[in-house]
Amino acid sequence: MLYGSPYKTGTSPNAVAIDPLDNFVYLANERSNNLSAYALGTNGTLIVVAGSPFAAGDEPSAVTVDPTGSFLYVANAGSGNVSLFAIDATTGALSAVSGSPYTAGTLPSALAISD
């Protein structure tokens, strides 16, 4: 077992995304309507990112990171939208992108990004 494991999350964690450089891990917590963010240690440990958990939409159901590791997308099933966050490359902290969230229709539950 890794030091600190099991790691504290929000309520009903249901989706996870790792940035393409394997620096950060993001977890959608469906019932607490937020995102847990962790720095990924070289030995596999998770270190809570300052400011985590970050507010998400209602019932976040899916998360994904774009191929550059610059943005995190979150499908919010309960609010029928997609939130977009900029990822701080140094700390992993999230900040909402202007104009976010974007209307997505009823119960969005999956995300995909194409290069």
C-alpha atoms as a PDB file:
ATOM      1  CA  MET A   1       0.000   0.000   0.000  1.00  0.00           C
ATOM      2  CA  LEU A   2       1.280   3.466  -0.909  1.00  0.00           C
ATOM      3  CA  TYR A   3       1.779   6.085   1.747  1.00  0.00           C
ATOM      4  CA  GLY A   4      -1.468   7.978   2.338  1.00  0.00           C
ATOM      5  CA  SER A   5      -3.609   5.424   0.560  1.00  0.00           C
ATOM      6  CA  PRO A   6      -6.573   5.355   0.466  1.00  0.00           C
ATOM      7  CA  TYR A   7      -6.848   9.002  -0.561  1.00  0.00           C
ATOM      8  CA  LYS A   8      -9.717  11.272   0.475  1.00  0.00           C
ATOM      9  CA  THR A   9     -12.088  12.340  -2.307  1.00  0.00           C
ATOM     10  CA  GLY A  10     -15.463  13.965  -2.572  1.00  0.00           C
ATOM     11  CA  THR A  11     -18.755  12.077  -2.451  1.00  0.00           C
ATOM     12  CA  SER A  12     -19.411   9.426  -5.134  1.00  0.00           C
ATOM     13  CA  PRO A  13     -16.204   9.648  -7.174  1.00  0.00           C
ATOM     14  CA  ASN A  14     -17.082   8.302 -10.622  1.00  0.00           C
ATOM     15  CA  ALA A  15     -14.611   9.424 -13.304  1.00  0.00           C
ATOM     16  CA  VAL A  16     -10.870  10.007 -13.475  1.00  0.00           C
ATOM     17  CA  ALA A  17      -8.479  11.655 -15.943  1.00  0.00           C
ATOM     18  CA  ILE A  18      -4.679  11.895 -15.951  1.00  0.00           C
ATOM     19  CA  ASP A  19      -2.916  14.627 -17.892  1.00  0.00           C
ATOM     20  CA  PRO A  20      -0.773  13.448 -20.848  1.00  0.00           C
ATOM     21  CA  LEU A  21       2.500  14.183 -19.017  1.00  0.00           C
ATOM     22  CA  ASP A  22       1.438  12.056 -16.009  1.00  0.00           C
ATOM     23  CA  ASN A  23       1.773  15.022 -13.659  1.00  0.00           C
ATOM     24  CA  PHE A  24      -1.801  15.449 -12.428  1.00  0.00           C
ATOM     25  CA  VAL A  25      -4.886  13.338 -11.677  1.00  0.00           C
ATOM     26  CA  TYR A  26      -8.431  14.728 -11.728  1.00  0.00           C
ATOM     27  CA  LEU A  27     -11.441  12.997 -10.229  1.00  0.00           C
ATOM     28  CA  ALA A  28     -15.128  13.898 -10.702  1.00  0.00           C
ATOM     29  CA  ASN A  29     -17.146  13.634  -7.487  1.00  0.00           C
ATOM     30  CA  GLU A  30     -20.752  13.242  -8.622  1.00  0.00           C
ATOM     31  CA  ARG A  31     -22.650  13.862  -5.378  1.00  0.00           C
ATOM     32  CA  SER A  32     -20.459  16.646  -4.013  1.00  0.00           C
ATOM     33  CA  ASN A  33     -20.472  18.488  -7.394  1.00  0.00           C
ATOM     34  CA  ASN A  34     -16.745  19.045  -7.426  1.00  0.00           C
ATOM     35  CA  LEU A  35     -13.397  17.850  -8.744  1.00  0.00           C
ATOM     36  CA  SER A  36     -10.544  16.482  -6.672  1.00  0.00           C
ATOM     37  CA  ALA A  37      -7.111  17.332  -8.069  1.00  0.00           C
ATOM     38  CA  TYR A  38      -3.831  15.630  -7.194  1.00  0.00           C
ATOM     39  CA  ALA A  39      -0.218  15.915  -8.260  1.00  0.00           C
ATOM     40  CA  LEU A  40       1.105  12.486  -9.185  1.00  0.00           C
ATOM     41  CA  GLY A  41       4.271  11.676  -7.228  1.00  0.00           C
ATOM     42  CA  THR A  42       7.124   9.761  -8.843  1.00  0.00           C
ATOM     43  CA  ASN A  43       6.388   6.777  -6.599  1.00  0.00           C
ATOM     44  CA  GLY A  44       2.670   6.796  -7.467  1.00  0.00           C
ATOM     45  CA  THR A  45       1.522   8.746  -4.427  1.00  0.00           C
ATOM     46  CA  LEU A  46      -1.104  11.451  -4.769  1.00  0.00           C
ATOM     47  CA  ILE A  47      -0.543  14.950  -3.384  1.00  0.00           C
ATOM     48  CA  VAL A  48      -3.605  17.205  -3.056  1.00  0.00           C
ATOM     49  CA  VAL A  49      -3.386  20.260  -5.343  1.00  0.00           C
ATOM     50  CA  ALA A  50      -3.854  23.569  -3.507  1.00  0.00           C
ATOM     51  CA  GLY A  51      -7.469  24.728  -3.831  1.00  0.00           C
ATOM     52  CA  SER A  52      -8.825  21.205  -4.348  1.00  0.00           C
ATOM     53  CA  PRO A  53     -11.653  20.315  -4.505  1.00  0.00           C
ATOM     54  CA  PHE A  54     -12.719  22.650  -7.328  1.00  0.00           C
ATOM     55  CA  ALA A  55     -16.389  23.466  -7.926  1.00  0.00           C
ATOM     56  CA  ALA A  56     -17.945  21.730 -10.929  1.00  0.00           C
ATOM     57  CA  GLY A  57     -21.443  21.693 -12.376  1.00  0.00           C
ATOM     58  CA  ASP A  58     -24.277  19.585 -11.053  1.00  0.00           C
ATOM     59  CA  GLU A  59     -23.403  15.852 -10.952  1.00  0.00           C
ATOM     60  CA  PRO A  60     -20.095  15.753 -12.882  1.00  0.00           C
ATOM     61  CA  SER A  61     -20.123  12.450 -14.748  1.00  0.00           C
ATOM     62  CA  ALA A  62     -17.019  12.459 -16.967  1.00  0.00           C
ATOM     63  CA  VAL A  63     -13.646  14.213 -17.160  1.00  0.00           C
ATOM     64  CA  THR A  64     -10.930  14.375 -19.782  1.00  0.00           C
ATOM     65  CA  VAL A  65      -7.754  16.355 -20.380  1.00  0.00           C
ATOM     66  CA  ASP A  66      -6.868  17.715 -23.818  1.00  0.00           C
ATOM     67  CA  PRO A  67      -3.746  16.281 -25.536  1.00  0.00           C
ATOM     68  CA  THR A  68      -1.607  19.302 -24.562  1.00  0.00           C
ATOM     69  CA  GLY A  69      -2.487  18.990 -20.871  1.00  0.00           C
ATOM     70  CA  SER A  70      -3.723  22.591 -20.854  1.00  0.00           C
ATOM     71  CA  PHE A  71      -7.463  22.086 -20.405  1.00  0.00           C
ATOM     72  CA  LEU A  72      -9.816  19.870 -18.413  1.00  0.00           C
ATOM     73  CA  TYR A  73     -13.348  19.191 -19.698  1.00  0.00           C
ATOM     74  CA  VAL A  74     -16.129  18.049 -17.363  1.00  0.00           C
ATOM     75  CA  ALA A  75     -19.525  16.671 -18.427  1.00  0.00           C
ATOM     76  CA  ASN A  76     -22.110  17.718 -15.839  1.00  0.00           C
ATOM     77  CA  ALA A  77     -25.057  15.309 -16.115  1.00  0.00           C
ATOM     78  CA  GLY A  78     -27.302  17.101 -13.635  1.00  0.00           C
ATOM     79  CA  SER A  79     -26.942  20.550 -15.168  1.00  0.00           C
ATOM     80  CA  GLY A  80     -26.774  19.429 -18.814  1.00  0.00           C
ATOM     81  CA  ASN A  81     -23.557  21.235 -19.631  1.00  0.00           C
ATOM     82  CA  VAL A  82     -19.793  20.913 -20.055  1.00  0.00           C
ATOM     83  CA  SER A  83     -17.384  22.898 -17.899  1.00  0.00           C
ATOM     84  CA  LEU A  84     -13.980  23.921 -19.228  1.00  0.00           C
ATOM     85  CA  PHE A  85     -11.028  24.607 -16.948  1.00  0.00           C
ATOM     86  CA  ALA A  86      -7.505  25.819 -17.682  1.00  0.00           C
ATOM     87  CA  ILE A  87      -4.865  23.691 -15.952  1.00  0.00           C
ATOM     88  CA  ASP A  88      -1.909  25.477 -14.353  1.00  0.00           C
ATOM     89  CA  ALA A  89       1.075  23.575 -15.783  1.00  0.00           C
ATOM     90  CA  THR A  90       3.134  24.037 -12.617  1.00  0.00           C
ATOM     91  CA  THR A  91       0.618  23.425  -9.845  1.00  0.00           C
ATOM     92  CA  GLY A  92      -2.241  21.537 -11.519  1.00  0.00           C
ATOM     93  CA  ALA A  93      -4.746  24.047 -10.142  1.00  0.00           C
ATOM     94  CA  LEU A  94      -7.904  24.614 -12.159  1.00  0.00           C
ATOM     95  CA  SER A  95      -9.465  27.908 -13.226  1.00  0.00           C
ATOM     96  CA  ALA A  96     -12.752  28.220 -15.110  1.00  0.00           C
ATOM     97  CA  VAL A  97     -12.430  29.413 -18.704  1.00  0.00           C
ATOM     98  CA  SER A  98     -14.501  32.458 -19.605  1.00  0.00           C
ATOM     99  CA  GLY A  99     -17.863  31.451 -21.084  1.00  0.00           C
ATOM    100  CA  SER A 100     -17.867  28.081 -19.342  1.00  0.00           C
ATOM    101  CA  PRO A 101     -20.033  26.059 -18.780  1.00  0.00           C
ATOM    102  CA  TYR A 102     -21.356  25.286 -22.270  1.00  0.00           C
ATOM    103  CA  THR A 103     -24.818  23.848 -22.929  1.00  0.00           C
ATOM    104  CA  ALA A 104     -24.638  20.160 -23.835  1.00  0.00           C
ATOM    105  CA  GLY A 105     -28.178  18.807 -23.694  1.00  0.00           C
ATOM    106  CA  THR A 106     -29.763  16.297 -21.366  1.00  0.00           C
ATOM    107  CA  LEU A 107     -27.558  14.148 -19.112  1.00  0.00           C
ATOM    108  CA  PRO A 108     -24.130  14.389 -20.782  1.00  0.00           C
ATOM    109  CA  SER A 109     -22.170  11.390 -19.510  1.00  0.00           C
ATOM    110  CA  ALA A 110     -19.072  10.967 -21.697  1.00  0.00           C
ATOM    111  CA  LEU A 111     -16.390  13.058 -23.369  1.00  0.00           C
ATOM    112  CA  ALA A 112     -13.932  12.479 -26.205  1.00  0.00           C
ATOM    113  CA  ILE A 113     -11.221  14.673 -27.665  1.00  0.00           C
ATOM    114  CA  SER A 114      -9.693  14.307 -31.100  1.00  0.00           C
ATOM    115  CA  ASP A 115      -6.218  15.525 -32.032  1.00  0.00           C
END
